[in-house]
């Protein structure tokens, strides 16, 4: 198993109790695969798929800190972030195909 996937590995970030580096690497791997898959679907079935990026924003979950710590930083309840993503899935943001949509509108990059 590689350093990024083995939780028992004695990596510096694991020794400090900081797993954010590993999480971000996992997310980047997933995003890379998702983009590759989307490109392949577009080649096989042009014009039949709509792809959006969805940003639920900062949610009060226990993934990084406690929910109360996140609420103190301005996090919303998880169902609010879920509703943001659900609005994309329902087609309410179809005019923003190919962009990242969030509470702020469309990502400026």
PDB file of N, CA and C in Angstrom:
ATOM      1  N   UNK A   1       0.835  -1.172   0.000  1.00  0.00           N
ATOM      2  CA  UNK A   1       0.000   0.000   0.000  1.00  0.00           C
ATOM      3  C   UNK A   1       0.882   1.239   0.000  1.00  0.00           C
ATOM      4  N   UNK A   2       0.447   2.261  -0.694  1.00  0.00           N
ATOM      5  CA  UNK A   2       1.204   3.508  -0.737  1.00  0.00           C
ATOM      6  C   UNK A   2       1.019   4.322   0.530  1.00  0.00           C
ATOM      7  N   UNK A   3       1.876   5.288   0.693  1.00  0.00           N
ATOM      8  CA  UNK A   3       1.851   6.128   1.877  1.00  0.00           C
ATOM      9  C   UNK A   3       0.512   6.850   2.030  1.00  0.00           C
ATOM     10  N   UNK A   4      -0.091   7.256   0.925  1.00  0.00           N
ATOM     11  CA  UNK A   4      -1.330   8.021   0.996  1.00  0.00           C
ATOM     12  C   UNK A   4      -2.528   7.174   1.373  1.00  0.00           C
ATOM     13  N   UNK A   5      -2.479   5.876   1.117  1.00  0.00           N
ATOM     14  CA  UNK A   5      -3.639   5.049   1.380  1.00  0.00           C
ATOM     15  C   UNK A   5      -3.506   4.177   2.623  1.00  0.00           C
ATOM     16  N   UNK A   6      -2.326   4.140   3.232  1.00  0.00           N
ATOM     17  CA  UNK A   6      -2.109   3.288   4.399  1.00  0.00           C
ATOM     18  C   UNK A   6      -2.167   4.119   5.675  1.00  0.00           C
ATOM     19  N   UNK A   7      -3.257   4.026   6.453  1.00  0.00           N
ATOM     20  CA  UNK A   7      -3.375   4.839   7.656  1.00  0.00           C
ATOM     21  C   UNK A   7      -2.365   4.471   8.738  1.00  0.00           C
ATOM     22  N   UNK A   8      -1.785   3.268   8.673  1.00  0.00           N
ATOM     23  CA  UNK A   8      -0.821   2.857   9.676  1.00  0.00           C
ATOM     24  C   UNK A   8       0.596   3.296   9.331  1.00  0.00           C
ATOM     25  N   UNK A   9       0.771   3.827   8.139  1.00  0.00           N
ATOM     26  CA  UNK A   9       2.095   4.268   7.708  1.00  0.00           C
ATOM     27  C   UNK A   9       2.564   5.419   8.591  1.00  0.00           C
ATOM     28  N   UNK A  10       3.836   5.470   8.878  1.00  0.00           N
ATOM     29  CA  UNK A  10       4.377   6.488   9.763  1.00  0.00           C
ATOM     30  C   UNK A  10       4.764   7.737   8.965  1.00  0.00           C
ATOM     31  N   UNK A  11       3.795   8.313   8.266  1.00  0.00           N
ATOM     32  CA  UNK A  11       4.035   9.522   7.488  1.00  0.00           C
ATOM     33  C   UNK A  11       4.042  10.731   8.420  1.00  0.00           C
ATOM     34  N   UNK A  12       4.795  11.775   8.088  1.00  0.00           N
ATOM     35  CA  UNK A  12       4.857  12.945   8.971  1.00  0.00           C
ATOM     36  C   UNK A  12       3.492  13.543   9.282  1.00  0.00           C
ATOM     37  N   UNK A  13       2.602  13.632   8.280  1.00  0.00           N
ATOM     38  CA  UNK A  13       1.301  14.218   8.554  1.00  0.00           C
ATOM     39  C   UNK A  13       0.452  13.323   9.463  1.00  0.00           C
ATOM     40  N   UNK A  14       0.647  12.006   9.374  1.00  0.00           N
ATOM     41  CA  UNK A  14      -0.090  11.100  10.260  1.00  0.00           C
ATOM     42  C   UNK A  14       0.469  11.169  11.674  1.00  0.00           C
ATOM     43  N   UNK A  15       1.763  11.339  11.805  1.00  0.00           N
ATOM     44  CA  UNK A  15       2.385  11.417  13.130  1.00  0.00           C
ATOM     45  C   UNK A  15       1.906  12.651  13.873  1.00  0.00           C
ATOM     46  N   UNK A  16       1.631  13.715  13.168  1.00  0.00           N
ATOM     47  CA  UNK A  16       1.156  14.941  13.798  1.00  0.00           C
ATOM     48  C   UNK A  16      -0.357  14.951  13.977  1.00  0.00           C
ATOM     49  N   UNK A  17      -1.018  13.909  13.558  1.00  0.00           N
ATOM     50  CA  UNK A  17      -2.469  13.856  13.655  1.00  0.00           C
ATOM     51  C   UNK A  17      -3.151  14.663  12.558  1.00  0.00           C
ATOM     52  N   UNK A  18      -2.398  15.116  11.576  1.00  0.00           N
ATOM     53  CA  UNK A  18      -2.955  15.934  10.515  1.00  0.00           C
ATOM     54  C   UNK A  18      -3.131  15.076   9.273  1.00  0.00           C
ATOM     55  N   UNK A  19      -4.357  14.756   8.967  1.00  0.00           N
ATOM     56  CA  UNK A  19      -4.629  13.912   7.806  1.00  0.00           C
ATOM     57  C   UNK A  19      -5.136  14.722   6.616  1.00  0.00           C
ATOM     58  N   UNK A  20      -5.090  16.044   6.735  1.00  0.00           N
ATOM     59  CA  UNK A  20      -5.605  16.889   5.650  1.00  0.00           C
ATOM     60  C   UNK A  20      -4.837  16.695   4.358  1.00  0.00           C
ATOM     61  N   UNK A  21      -3.525  16.476   4.447  1.00  0.00           N
ATOM     62  CA  UNK A  21      -2.726  16.287   3.237  1.00  0.00           C
ATOM     63  C   UNK A  21      -3.206  15.041   2.512  1.00  0.00           C
ATOM     64  N   UNK A  22      -3.434  13.975   3.252  1.00  0.00           N
ATOM     65  CA  UNK A  22      -3.898  12.739   2.653  1.00  0.00           C
ATOM     66  C   UNK A  22      -5.292  12.899   2.051  1.00  0.00           C
ATOM     67  N   UNK A  23      -6.147  13.629   2.759  1.00  0.00           N
ATOM     68  CA  UNK A  23      -7.496  13.867   2.240  1.00  0.00           C
ATOM     69  C   UNK A  23      -7.444  14.645   0.934  1.00  0.00           C
ATOM     70  N   UNK A  24      -6.622  15.684   0.906  1.00  0.00           N
ATOM     71  CA  UNK A  24      -6.573  16.507  -0.311  1.00  0.00           C
ATOM     72  C   UNK A  24      -6.023  15.706  -1.484  1.00  0.00           C
ATOM     73  N   UNK A  25      -5.067  14.827  -1.224  1.00  0.00           N
ATOM     74  CA  UNK A  25      -4.541  13.981  -2.305  1.00  0.00           C
ATOM     75  C   UNK A  25      -5.601  13.033  -2.821  1.00  0.00           C
ATOM     76  N   UNK A  26      -6.401  12.506  -1.926  1.00  0.00           N
ATOM     77  CA  UNK A  26      -7.480  11.603  -2.337  1.00  0.00           C
ATOM     78  C   UNK A  26      -8.514  12.341  -3.183  1.00  0.00           C
ATOM     79  N   UNK A  27      -8.857  13.542  -2.759  1.00  0.00           N
ATOM     80  CA  UNK A  27      -9.825  14.337  -3.511  1.00  0.00           C
ATOM     81  C   UNK A  27      -9.294  14.651  -4.897  1.00  0.00           C
ATOM     82  N   UNK A  28      -8.033  15.038  -4.985  1.00  0.00           N
ATOM     83  CA  UNK A  28      -7.453  15.364  -6.283  1.00  0.00           C
ATOM     84  C   UNK A  28      -7.443  14.140  -7.202  1.00  0.00           C
ATOM     85  N   UNK A  29      -7.158  12.978  -6.640  1.00  0.00           N
ATOM     86  CA  UNK A  29      -7.189  11.759  -7.452  1.00  0.00           C
ATOM     87  C   UNK A  29      -8.597  11.495  -7.965  1.00  0.00           C
ATOM     88  N   UNK A  30      -9.583  11.677  -7.094  1.00  0.00           N
ATOM     89  CA  UNK A  30     -10.969  11.470  -7.497  1.00  0.00           C
ATOM     90  C   UNK A  30     -11.412  12.460  -8.552  1.00  0.00           C
ATOM     91  N   UNK A  31     -11.018  13.717  -8.396  1.00  0.00           N
ATOM     92  CA  UNK A  31     -11.392  14.728  -9.383  1.00  0.00           C
ATOM     93  C   UNK A  31     -10.733  14.451 -10.724  1.00  0.00           C
ATOM     94  N   UNK A  32      -9.484  14.027 -10.697  1.00  0.00           N
ATOM     95  CA  UNK A  32      -8.789  13.712 -11.940  1.00  0.00           C
ATOM     96  C   UNK A  32      -9.507  12.594 -12.680  1.00  0.00           C
ATOM     97  N   UNK A  33      -9.889  11.552 -11.952  1.00  0.00           N
ATOM     98  CA  UNK A  33     -10.596  10.443 -12.579  1.00  0.00           C
ATOM     99  C   UNK A  33     -11.950  10.895 -13.106  1.00  0.00           C
ATOM    100  N   UNK A  34     -12.643  11.739 -12.338  1.00  0.00           N
ATOM    101  CA  UNK A  34     -13.955  12.218 -12.773  1.00  0.00           C
ATOM    102  C   UNK A  34     -13.859  13.003 -14.070  1.00  0.00           C
ATOM    103  N   UNK A  35     -12.851  13.851 -14.184  1.00  0.00           N
ATOM    104  CA  UNK A  35     -12.674  14.631 -15.408  1.00  0.00           C
ATOM    105  C   UNK A  35     -12.361  13.700 -16.574  1.00  0.00           C
ATOM    106  N   UNK A  36     -11.501  12.728 -16.353  1.00  0.00           N
ATOM    107  CA  UNK A  36     -11.161  11.772 -17.409  1.00  0.00           C
ATOM    108  C   UNK A  36     -12.421  11.039 -17.876  1.00  0.00           C
ATOM    109  N   UNK A  37     -13.234  10.604 -16.918  1.00  0.00           N
ATOM    110  CA  UNK A  37     -14.451   9.870 -17.245  1.00  0.00           C
ATOM    111  C   UNK A  37     -15.421  10.755 -18.018  1.00  0.00           C
ATOM    112  N   UNK A  38     -15.561  12.016 -17.602  1.00  0.00           N
ATOM    113  CA  UNK A  38     -16.450  12.941 -18.290  1.00  0.00           C
ATOM    114  C   UNK A  38     -15.996  13.146 -19.737  1.00  0.00           C
ATOM    115  N   UNK A  39     -14.698  13.321 -19.945  1.00  0.00           N
ATOM    116  CA  UNK A  39     -14.172  13.501 -21.295  1.00  0.00           C
ATOM    117  C   UNK A  39     -14.498  12.269 -22.140  1.00  0.00           C
ATOM    118  N   UNK A  40     -14.323  11.098 -21.578  1.00  0.00           N
ATOM    119  CA  UNK A  40     -14.607   9.865 -22.311  1.00  0.00           C
ATOM    120  C   UNK A  40     -16.100   9.767 -22.673  1.00  0.00           C
ATOM    121  N   UNK A  41     -16.987  10.112 -21.739  1.00  0.00           N
ATOM    122  CA  UNK A  41     -18.423  10.084 -22.029  1.00  0.00           C
ATOM    123  C   UNK A  41     -18.779  11.070 -23.132  1.00  0.00           C
ATOM    124  N   UNK A  42     -18.144  12.233 -23.129  1.00  0.00           N
ATOM    125  CA  UNK A  42     -18.408  13.223 -24.166  1.00  0.00           C
ATOM    126  C   UNK A  42     -17.971  12.716 -25.541  1.00  0.00           C
ATOM    127  N   UNK A  43     -16.909  11.918 -25.566  1.00  0.00           N
ATOM    128  CA  UNK A  43     -16.448  11.346 -26.827  1.00  0.00           C
ATOM    129  C   UNK A  43     -17.416  10.275 -27.328  1.00  0.00           C
ATOM    130  N   UNK A  44     -17.911   9.461 -26.403  1.00  0.00           N
ATOM    131  CA  UNK A  44     -18.810   8.366 -26.790  1.00  0.00           C
ATOM    132  C   UNK A  44     -20.220   8.849 -27.094  1.00  0.00           C
ATOM    133  N   UNK A  45     -20.718   9.808 -26.316  1.00  0.00           N
ATOM    134  CA  UNK A  45     -22.099  10.285 -26.439  1.00  0.00           C
ATOM    135  C   UNK A  45     -22.130  11.812 -26.431  1.00  0.00           C
ATOM    136  N   UNK A  46     -21.710  12.446 -27.501  1.00  0.00           N
ATOM    137  CA  UNK A  46     -21.629  13.909 -27.492  1.00  0.00           C
ATOM    138  C   UNK A  46     -22.979  14.582 -27.249  1.00  0.00           C
ATOM    139  N   UNK A  47     -22.989  15.550 -26.333  1.00  0.00           N
ATOM    140  CA  UNK A  47     -24.179  16.344 -26.059  1.00  0.00           C
ATOM    141  C   UNK A  47     -25.233  15.699 -25.189  1.00  0.00           C
ATOM    142  N   UNK A  48     -24.981  14.511 -24.646  1.00  0.00           N
ATOM    143  CA  UNK A  48     -26.004  13.827 -23.856  1.00  0.00           C
ATOM    144  C   UNK A  48     -25.811  13.980 -22.349  1.00  0.00           C
ATOM    145  N   UNK A  49     -24.697  14.559 -21.910  1.00  0.00           N
ATOM    146  CA  UNK A  49     -24.424  14.696 -20.488  1.00  0.00           C
ATOM    147  C   UNK A  49     -24.170  16.149 -20.136  1.00  0.00           C
ATOM    148  N   UNK A  50     -24.671  16.559 -18.981  1.00  0.00           N
ATOM    149  CA  UNK A  50     -24.388  17.889 -18.437  1.00  0.00           C
ATOM    150  C   UNK A  50     -23.555  17.678 -17.178  1.00  0.00           C
ATOM    151  N   UNK A  51     -22.430  18.361 -17.110  1.00  0.00           N
ATOM    152  CA  UNK A  51     -21.537  18.192 -15.963  1.00  0.00           C
ATOM    153  C   UNK A  51     -21.360  19.537 -15.278  1.00  0.00           C
ATOM    154  N   UNK A  52     -21.579  19.536 -13.978  1.00  0.00           N
ATOM    155  CA  UNK A  52     -21.398  20.724 -13.145  1.00  0.00           C
ATOM    156  C   UNK A  52     -20.413  20.399 -12.026  1.00  0.00           C
ATOM    157  N   UNK A  53     -19.829  21.421 -11.469  1.00  0.00           N
ATOM    158  CA  UNK A  53     -19.119  21.291 -10.202  1.00  0.00           C
ATOM    159  C   UNK A  53     -20.036  21.877  -9.150  1.00  0.00           C
ATOM    160  N   UNK A  54     -20.144  21.226  -8.019  1.00  0.00           N
ATOM    161  CA  UNK A  54     -21.014  21.715  -6.962  1.00  0.00           C
ATOM    162  C   UNK A  54     -20.218  22.000  -5.703  1.00  0.00           C
ATOM    163  N   UNK A  55     -20.356  23.188  -5.162  1.00  0.00           N
ATOM    164  CA  UNK A  55     -19.658  23.581  -3.936  1.00  0.00           C
ATOM    165  C   UNK A  55     -20.693  23.769  -2.834  1.00  0.00           C
ATOM    166  N   UNK A  56     -20.759  22.833  -1.883  1.00  0.00           N
ATOM    167  CA  UNK A  56     -21.747  22.963  -0.812  1.00  0.00           C
ATOM    168  C   UNK A  56     -21.382  24.035   0.210  1.00  0.00           C
ATOM    169  N   UNK A  57     -20.164  24.553   0.141  1.00  0.00           N
ATOM    170  CA  UNK A  57     -19.723  25.552   1.110  1.00  0.00           C
ATOM    171  C   UNK A  57     -19.239  24.889   2.386  1.00  0.00           C
ATOM    172  N   UNK A  58     -18.987  25.701   3.393  1.00  0.00           N
ATOM    173  CA  UNK A  58     -18.522  25.205   4.691  1.00  0.00           C
ATOM    174  C   UNK A  58     -19.717  24.698   5.471  1.00  0.00           C
ATOM    175  N   UNK A  59     -19.706  23.394   5.782  1.00  0.00           N
ATOM    176  CA  UNK A  59     -20.808  22.752   6.488  1.00  0.00           C
ATOM    177  C   UNK A  59     -20.365  22.290   7.863  1.00  0.00           C
ATOM    178  N   UNK A  60     -21.262  22.362   8.824  1.00  0.00           N
ATOM    179  CA  UNK A  60     -20.977  21.971  10.205  1.00  0.00           C
ATOM    180  C   UNK A  60     -21.072  20.453  10.350  1.00  0.00           C
ATOM    181  N   UNK A  61     -20.009  19.767   9.969  1.00  0.00           N
ATOM    182  CA  UNK A  61     -19.929  18.315  10.110  1.00  0.00           C
ATOM    183  C   UNK A  61     -18.747  17.990  11.019  1.00  0.00           C
ATOM    184  N   UNK A  62     -18.511  16.734  11.263  1.00  0.00           N
ATOM    185  CA  UNK A  62     -17.381  16.354  12.105  1.00  0.00           C
ATOM    186  C   UNK A  62     -16.223  15.787  11.282  1.00  0.00           C
ATOM    187  N   UNK A  63     -16.111  16.195  10.031  1.00  0.00           N
ATOM    188  CA  UNK A  63     -15.045  15.668   9.188  1.00  0.00           C
ATOM    189  C   UNK A  63     -13.677  16.255   9.534  1.00  0.00           C
ATOM    190  N   UNK A  64     -13.609  17.517   9.875  1.00  0.00           N
ATOM    191  CA  UNK A  64     -12.319  18.131  10.175  1.00  0.00           C
ATOM    192  C   UNK A  64     -12.238  18.599  11.621  1.00  0.00           C
ATOM    193  N   UNK A  65     -13.279  19.219  12.107  1.00  0.00           N
ATOM    194  CA  UNK A  65     -13.355  19.719  13.472  1.00  0.00           C
ATOM    195  C   UNK A  65     -14.700  19.289  14.035  1.00  0.00           C
ATOM    196  N   UNK A  66     -15.031  19.806  15.210  1.00  0.00           N
ATOM    197  CA  UNK A  66     -16.370  19.515  15.721  1.00  0.00           C
ATOM    198  C   UNK A  66     -17.360  20.456  15.040  1.00  0.00           C
ATOM    199  N   UNK A  67     -18.607  20.045  14.930  1.00  0.00           N
ATOM    200  CA  UNK A  67     -19.599  20.922  14.300  1.00  0.00           C
ATOM    201  C   UNK A  67     -19.697  22.294  14.964  1.00  0.00           C
ATOM    202  N   UNK A  68     -19.562  22.350  16.294  1.00  0.00           N
ATOM    203  CA  UNK A  68     -19.652  23.639  16.985  1.00  0.00           C
ATOM    204  C   UNK A  68     -18.499  24.562  16.611  1.00  0.00           C
ATOM    205  N   UNK A  69     -17.299  24.015  16.446  1.00  0.00           N
ATOM    206  CA  UNK A  69     -16.167  24.831  16.024  1.00  0.00           C
ATOM    207  C   UNK A  69     -16.405  25.379  14.623  1.00  0.00           C
ATOM    208  N   UNK A  70     -16.967  24.562  13.755  1.00  0.00           N
ATOM    209  CA  UNK A  70     -17.244  25.014  12.396  1.00  0.00           C
ATOM    210  C   UNK A  70     -18.367  26.050  12.362  1.00  0.00           C
ATOM    211  N   UNK A  71     -19.382  25.872  13.210  1.00  0.00           N
ATOM    212  CA  UNK A  71     -20.460  26.870  13.274  1.00  0.00           C
ATOM    213  C   UNK A  71     -19.907  28.223  13.716  1.00  0.00           C
ATOM    214  N   UNK A  72     -18.942  28.197  14.641  1.00  0.00           N
ATOM    215  CA  UNK A  72     -18.316  29.438  15.102  1.00  0.00           C
ATOM    216  C   UNK A  72     -17.576  30.139  13.969  1.00  0.00           C
ATOM    217  N   UNK A  73     -17.142  29.376  12.963  1.00  0.00           N
ATOM    218  CA  UNK A  73     -16.449  29.937  11.800  1.00  0.00           C
ATOM    219  C   UNK A  73     -17.417  30.314  10.680  1.00  0.00           C
ATOM    220  N   UNK A  74     -18.721  30.167  10.932  1.00  0.00           N
ATOM    221  CA  UNK A  74     -19.709  30.567   9.935  1.00  0.00           C
ATOM    222  C   UNK A  74     -20.261  29.431   9.094  1.00  0.00           C
ATOM    223  N   UNK A  75     -20.040  28.194   9.505  1.00  0.00           N
ATOM    224  CA  UNK A  75     -20.537  27.053   8.737  1.00  0.00           C
ATOM    225  C   UNK A  75     -22.053  26.949   8.841  1.00  0.00           C
ATOM    226  N   UNK A  76     -22.654  26.450   7.767  1.00  0.00           N
ATOM    227  CA  UNK A  76     -24.094  26.219   7.753  1.00  0.00           C
ATOM    228  C   UNK A  76     -24.359  24.752   8.094  1.00  0.00           C
ATOM    229  N   UNK A  77     -25.605  24.447   8.362  1.00  0.00           N
ATOM    230  CA  UNK A  77     -25.974  23.063   8.655  1.00  0.00           C
ATOM    231  C   UNK A  77     -25.810  22.219   7.391  1.00  0.00           C
ATOM    232  N   UNK A  78     -25.496  20.929   7.542  1.00  0.00           N
ATOM    233  CA  UNK A  78     -25.263  20.073   6.372  1.00  0.00           C
ATOM    234  C   UNK A  78     -26.417  20.030   5.377  1.00  0.00           C
ATOM    235  N   UNK A  79     -27.650  20.116   5.858  1.00  0.00           N
ATOM    236  CA  UNK A  79     -28.780  20.044   4.925  1.00  0.00           C
ATOM    237  C   UNK A  79     -28.808  21.262   3.995  1.00  0.00           C
ATOM    238  N   UNK A  80     -28.247  22.388   4.419  1.00  0.00           N
ATOM    239  CA  UNK A  80     -28.203  23.578   3.568  1.00  0.00           C
ATOM    240  C   UNK A  80     -27.228  23.336   2.411  1.00  0.00           C
ATOM    241  N   UNK A  81     -26.043  22.786   2.723  1.00  0.00           N
ATOM    242  CA  UNK A  81     -25.089  22.444   1.674  1.00  0.00           C
ATOM    243  C   UNK A  81     -25.632  21.373   0.749  1.00  0.00           C
ATOM    244  N   UNK A  82     -26.351  20.414   1.321  1.00  0.00           N
ATOM    245  CA  UNK A  82     -26.966  19.365   0.509  1.00  0.00           C
ATOM    246  C   UNK A  82     -28.006  19.925  -0.441  1.00  0.00           C
ATOM    247  N   UNK A  83     -28.754  20.910   0.014  1.00  0.00           N
ATOM    248  CA  UNK A  83     -29.760  21.550  -0.848  1.00  0.00           C
ATOM    249  C   UNK A  83     -29.087  22.276  -2.008  1.00  0.00           C
ATOM    250  N   UNK A  84     -27.924  22.865  -1.778  1.00  0.00           N
ATOM    251  CA  UNK A  84     -27.191  23.529  -2.860  1.00  0.00           C
ATOM    252  C   UNK A  84     -26.825  22.531  -3.954  1.00  0.00           C
ATOM    253  N   UNK A  85     -26.365  21.357  -3.539  1.00  0.00           N
ATOM    254  CA  UNK A  85     -25.997  20.316  -4.511  1.00  0.00           C
ATOM    255  C   UNK A  85     -27.255  19.749  -5.171  1.00  0.00           C
ATOM    256  N   UNK A  86     -28.317  19.551  -4.382  1.00  0.00           N
ATOM    257  CA  UNK A  86     -29.559  19.006  -4.936  1.00  0.00           C
ATOM    258  C   UNK A  86     -30.162  19.934  -5.986  1.00  0.00           C
ATOM    259  N   UNK A  87     -30.012  21.246  -5.806  1.00  0.00           N
ATOM    260  CA  UNK A  87     -30.558  22.180  -6.789  1.00  0.00           C
ATOM    261  C   UNK A  87     -29.873  22.009  -8.144  1.00  0.00           C
ATOM    262  N   UNK A  88     -28.605  21.654  -8.122  1.00  0.00           N
ATOM    263  CA  UNK A  88     -27.876  21.382  -9.369  1.00  0.00           C
ATOM    264  C   UNK A  88     -28.417  20.106 -10.002  1.00  0.00           C
ATOM    265  N   UNK A  89     -28.605  19.071  -9.171  1.00  0.00           N
ATOM    266  CA  UNK A  89     -29.093  17.782  -9.687  1.00  0.00           C
ATOM    267  C   UNK A  89     -30.516  17.902 -10.242  1.00  0.00           C
ATOM    268  N   UNK A  90     -31.328  18.786  -9.675  1.00  0.00           N
ATOM    269  CA  UNK A  90     -32.702  18.983 -10.167  1.00  0.00           C
ATOM    270  C   UNK A  90     -32.744  19.759 -11.472  1.00  0.00           C
ATOM    271  N   UNK A  91     -31.625  20.342 -11.875  1.00  0.00           N
ATOM    272  CA  UNK A  91     -31.595  21.072 -13.140  1.00  0.00           C
ATOM    273  C   UNK A  91     -31.790  22.564 -13.004  1.00  0.00           C
ATOM    274  N   UNK A  92     -31.813  23.074 -11.782  1.00  0.00           N
ATOM    275  CA  UNK A  92     -32.021  24.498 -11.572  1.00  0.00           C
ATOM    276  C   UNK A  92     -30.815  25.339 -12.000  1.00  0.00           C
ATOM    277  N   UNK A  93     -29.663  24.697 -12.209  1.00  0.00           N
ATOM    278  CA  UNK A  93     -28.453  25.429 -12.609  1.00  0.00           C
ATOM    279  C   UNK A  93     -27.965  24.973 -13.985  1.00  0.00           C
ATOM    280  N   UNK A  94     -28.863  24.503 -14.827  1.00  0.00           N
ATOM    281  CA  UNK A  94     -28.463  24.013 -16.147  1.00  0.00           C
ATOM    282  C   UNK A  94     -27.826  25.092 -17.022  1.00  0.00           C
ATOM    283  N   UNK A  95     -28.100  26.337 -16.733  1.00  0.00           N
ATOM    284  CA  UNK A  95     -27.484  27.414 -17.516  1.00  0.00           C
ATOM    285  C   UNK A  95     -25.993  27.554 -17.197  1.00  0.00           C
ATOM    286  N   UNK A  96     -25.539  26.909 -16.131  1.00  0.00           N
ATOM    287  CA  UNK A  96     -24.136  26.992 -15.700  1.00  0.00           C
ATOM    288  C   UNK A  96     -23.367  25.705 -15.954  1.00  0.00           C
ATOM    289  N   UNK A  97     -23.720  24.974 -16.995  1.00  0.00           N
ATOM    290  CA  UNK A  97     -23.060  23.708 -17.315  1.00  0.00           C
ATOM    291  C   UNK A  97     -21.559  23.929 -17.484  1.00  0.00           C
ATOM    292  N   UNK A  98     -20.777  23.025 -16.896  1.00  0.00           N
ATOM    293  CA  UNK A  98     -19.323  23.089 -17.025  1.00  0.00           C
ATOM    294  C   UNK A  98     -18.655  24.028 -16.043  1.00  0.00           C
ATOM    295  N   UNK A  99     -19.410  24.590 -15.116  1.00  0.00           N
ATOM    296  CA  UNK A  99     -18.862  25.529 -14.139  1.00  0.00           C
ATOM    297  C   UNK A  99     -19.074  25.000 -12.733  1.00  0.00           C
ATOM    298  N   UNK A 100     -18.374  25.592 -11.787  1.00  0.00           N
ATOM    299  CA  UNK A 100     -18.546  25.238 -10.381  1.00  0.00           C
ATOM    300  C   UNK A 100     -19.566  26.200  -9.780  1.00  0.00           C
ATOM    301  N   UNK A 101     -20.646  25.652  -9.244  1.00  0.00           N
ATOM    302  CA  UNK A 101     -21.735  26.446  -8.690  1.00  0.00           C
ATOM    303  C   UNK A 101     -21.733  26.331  -7.173  1.00  0.00           C
ATOM    304  N   UNK A 102     -21.951  27.457  -6.498  1.00  0.00           N
ATOM    305  CA  UNK A 102     -22.000  27.459  -5.049  1.00  0.00           C
ATOM    306  C   UNK A 102     -22.901  28.566  -4.551  1.00  0.00           C
ATOM    307  N   UNK A 103     -22.819  28.836  -3.264  1.00  0.00           N
ATOM    308  CA  UNK A 103     -23.642  29.876  -2.647  1.00  0.00           C
ATOM    309  C   UNK A 103     -23.297  31.250  -3.206  1.00  0.00           C
ATOM    310  N   UNK A 104     -22.084  31.407  -3.676  1.00  0.00           N
ATOM    311  CA  UNK A 104     -21.586  32.670  -4.227  1.00  0.00           C
ATOM    312  C   UNK A 104     -21.974  32.851  -5.681  1.00  0.00           C
ATOM    313  N   UNK A 105     -22.627  31.886  -6.268  1.00  0.00           N
ATOM    314  CA  UNK A 105     -22.952  31.917  -7.689  1.00  0.00           C
ATOM    315  C   UNK A 105     -22.058  30.953  -8.442  1.00  0.00           C
ATOM    316  N   UNK A 106     -21.382  31.455  -9.471  1.00  0.00           N
ATOM    317  CA  UNK A 106     -20.473  30.637 -10.272  1.00  0.00           C
ATOM    318  C   UNK A 106     -19.044  31.004  -9.882  1.00  0.00           C
ATOM    319  N   UNK A 107     -18.208  29.974  -9.757  1.00  0.00           N
ATOM    320  CA  UNK A 107     -16.815  30.226  -9.383  1.00  0.00           C
ATOM    321  C   UNK A 107     -16.143  31.125 -10.425  1.00  0.00           C
ATOM    322  N   UNK A 108     -15.413  32.137  -9.968  1.00  0.00           N
ATOM    323  CA  UNK A 108     -14.817  33.076 -10.900  1.00  0.00           C
ATOM    324  C   UNK A 108     -13.673  32.497 -11.731  1.00  0.00           C
ATOM    325  N   UNK A 109     -13.156  31.364 -11.384  1.00  0.00           N
ATOM    326  CA  UNK A 109     -12.070  30.790 -12.183  1.00  0.00           C
ATOM    327  C   UNK A 109     -12.640  29.796 -13.136  1.00  0.00           C
TER     328      UNK A 109
END
